Amino acid sequence: MNATQTGLISGLILGTAAAVGGFIGFLIALLIGVVGLVVGRILDGELDVSDLIGRAKDRQ
């Protein structure tokens, strides 16, 4: 299991534990899962944050 998968799973578990119940809980778990996925991809080197930041600066 790589860092991307670990980040996604841990984010989903933490999100589920933090948000108990209903549709709002589902949305919170989904949001935290996406954050975990992004952090895992950054740690795996599959997502380069400097590219994203550089593109935003180029637009201004």
C-alpha atoms as a PDB file:
ATOM      1  CA  MET A   1       0.000   0.000   0.000  1.00  0.00           C
ATOM      2  CA  ASN A   2       1.514   3.317  -1.043  1.00  0.00           C
ATOM      3  CA  ALA A   3       1.160   6.745   0.579  1.00  0.00           C
ATOM      4  CA  THR A   4      -1.731   7.701  -1.723  1.00  0.00           C
ATOM      5  CA  GLN A   5      -3.833   4.760  -0.621  1.00  0.00           C
ATOM      6  CA  THR A   6      -2.836   5.209   3.008  1.00  0.00           C
ATOM      7  CA  GLY A   7      -3.737   8.890   2.898  1.00  0.00           C
ATOM      8  CA  LEU A   8      -7.103   8.191   1.321  1.00  0.00           C
ATOM      9  CA  ILE A   9      -8.007   5.440   3.788  1.00  0.00           C
ATOM     10  CA  SER A  10      -6.866   7.394   6.837  1.00  0.00           C
ATOM     11  CA  GLY A  11      -8.720  10.490   5.653  1.00  0.00           C
ATOM     12  CA  LEU A  12     -11.916   8.517   5.167  1.00  0.00           C
ATOM     13  CA  ILE A  13     -11.605   6.866   8.569  1.00  0.00           C
ATOM     14  CA  LEU A  14     -10.895  10.149  10.335  1.00  0.00           C
ATOM     15  CA  GLY A  15     -13.691  11.878   8.464  1.00  0.00           C
ATOM     16  CA  THR A  16     -16.151   9.161   9.377  1.00  0.00           C
ATOM     17  CA  ALA A  17     -15.082   9.302  13.012  1.00  0.00           C
ATOM     18  CA  ALA A  18     -15.353  13.106  13.084  1.00  0.00           C
ATOM     19  CA  ALA A  19     -18.738  13.320  11.393  1.00  0.00           C
ATOM     20  CA  VAL A  20     -21.406  11.132  12.835  1.00  0.00           C
ATOM     21  CA  GLY A  21     -24.596  10.863  10.890  1.00  0.00           C
ATOM     22  CA  GLY A  22     -26.558  12.023   7.906  1.00  0.00           C
ATOM     23  CA  PHE A  23     -25.737  13.588   4.584  1.00  0.00           C
ATOM     24  CA  ILE A  24     -23.586  16.301   6.172  1.00  0.00           C
ATOM     25  CA  GLY A  25     -21.471  13.578   7.754  1.00  0.00           C
ATOM     26  CA  PHE A  26     -21.058  11.948   4.356  1.00  0.00           C
ATOM     27  CA  LEU A  27     -19.927  15.241   2.818  1.00  0.00           C
ATOM     28  CA  ILE A  28     -17.417  15.856   5.619  1.00  0.00           C
ATOM     29  CA  ALA A  29     -16.012  12.329   5.252  1.00  0.00           C
ATOM     30  CA  LEU A  30     -15.756  12.808   1.485  1.00  0.00           C
ATOM     31  CA  LEU A  31     -13.969  16.147   1.882  1.00  0.00           C
ATOM     32  CA  ILE A  32     -11.474  14.801   4.395  1.00  0.00           C
ATOM     33  CA  GLY A  33     -10.935  11.741   2.174  1.00  0.00           C
ATOM     34  CA  VAL A  34     -10.067  13.993  -0.768  1.00  0.00           C
ATOM     35  CA  VAL A  35      -7.633  15.941   1.418  1.00  0.00           C
ATOM     36  CA  GLY A  36      -6.012  12.656   2.465  1.00  0.00           C
ATOM     37  CA  LEU A  37      -5.778  11.574  -1.164  1.00  0.00           C
ATOM     38  CA  VAL A  38      -4.100  14.834  -2.193  1.00  0.00           C
ATOM     39  CA  VAL A  39      -1.601  14.652   0.680  1.00  0.00           C
ATOM     40  CA  GLY A  40      -0.816  11.043  -0.207  1.00  0.00           C
ATOM     41  CA  ARG A  41      -0.223  11.939  -3.858  1.00  0.00           C
ATOM     42  CA  ILE A  42       2.097  14.756  -2.822  1.00  0.00           C
ATOM     43  CA  LEU A  43       4.056  12.355  -0.604  1.00  0.00           C
ATOM     44  CA  ASP A  44       4.259   9.804  -3.443  1.00  0.00           C
ATOM     45  CA  GLY A  45       5.537  12.481  -5.801  1.00  0.00           C
ATOM     46  CA  GLU A  46       2.608  12.056  -8.181  1.00  0.00           C
ATOM     47  CA  LEU A  47       1.363  15.611  -7.607  1.00  0.00           C
ATOM     48  CA  ASP A  48       3.669  18.618  -7.742  1.00  0.00           C
ATOM     49  CA  VAL A  49       2.346  21.548  -5.745  1.00  0.00           C
ATOM     50  CA  SER A  50       4.813  23.999  -7.290  1.00  0.00           C
ATOM     51  CA  ASP A  51       3.249  23.415 -10.709  1.00  0.00           C
ATOM     52  CA  LEU A  52      -0.176  24.315  -9.347  1.00  0.00           C
ATOM     53  CA  ILE A  53       1.111  27.409  -7.545  1.00  0.00           C
ATOM     54  CA  GLY A  54       3.179  28.475 -10.562  1.00  0.00           C
ATOM     55  CA  ARG A  55       0.171  28.308 -12.851  1.00  0.00           C
ATOM     56  CA  ALA A  56      -1.850  30.479 -10.500  1.00  0.00           C
ATOM     57  CA  LYS A  57       0.933  33.099 -10.383  1.00  0.00           C
ATOM     58  CA  ASP A  58       1.256  33.094 -14.183  1.00  0.00           C
ATOM     59  CA  ARG A  59      -2.412  34.083 -14.555  1.00  0.00           C
ATOM     60  CA  GLN A  60      -2.039  37.298 -12.566  1.00  0.00           C
END
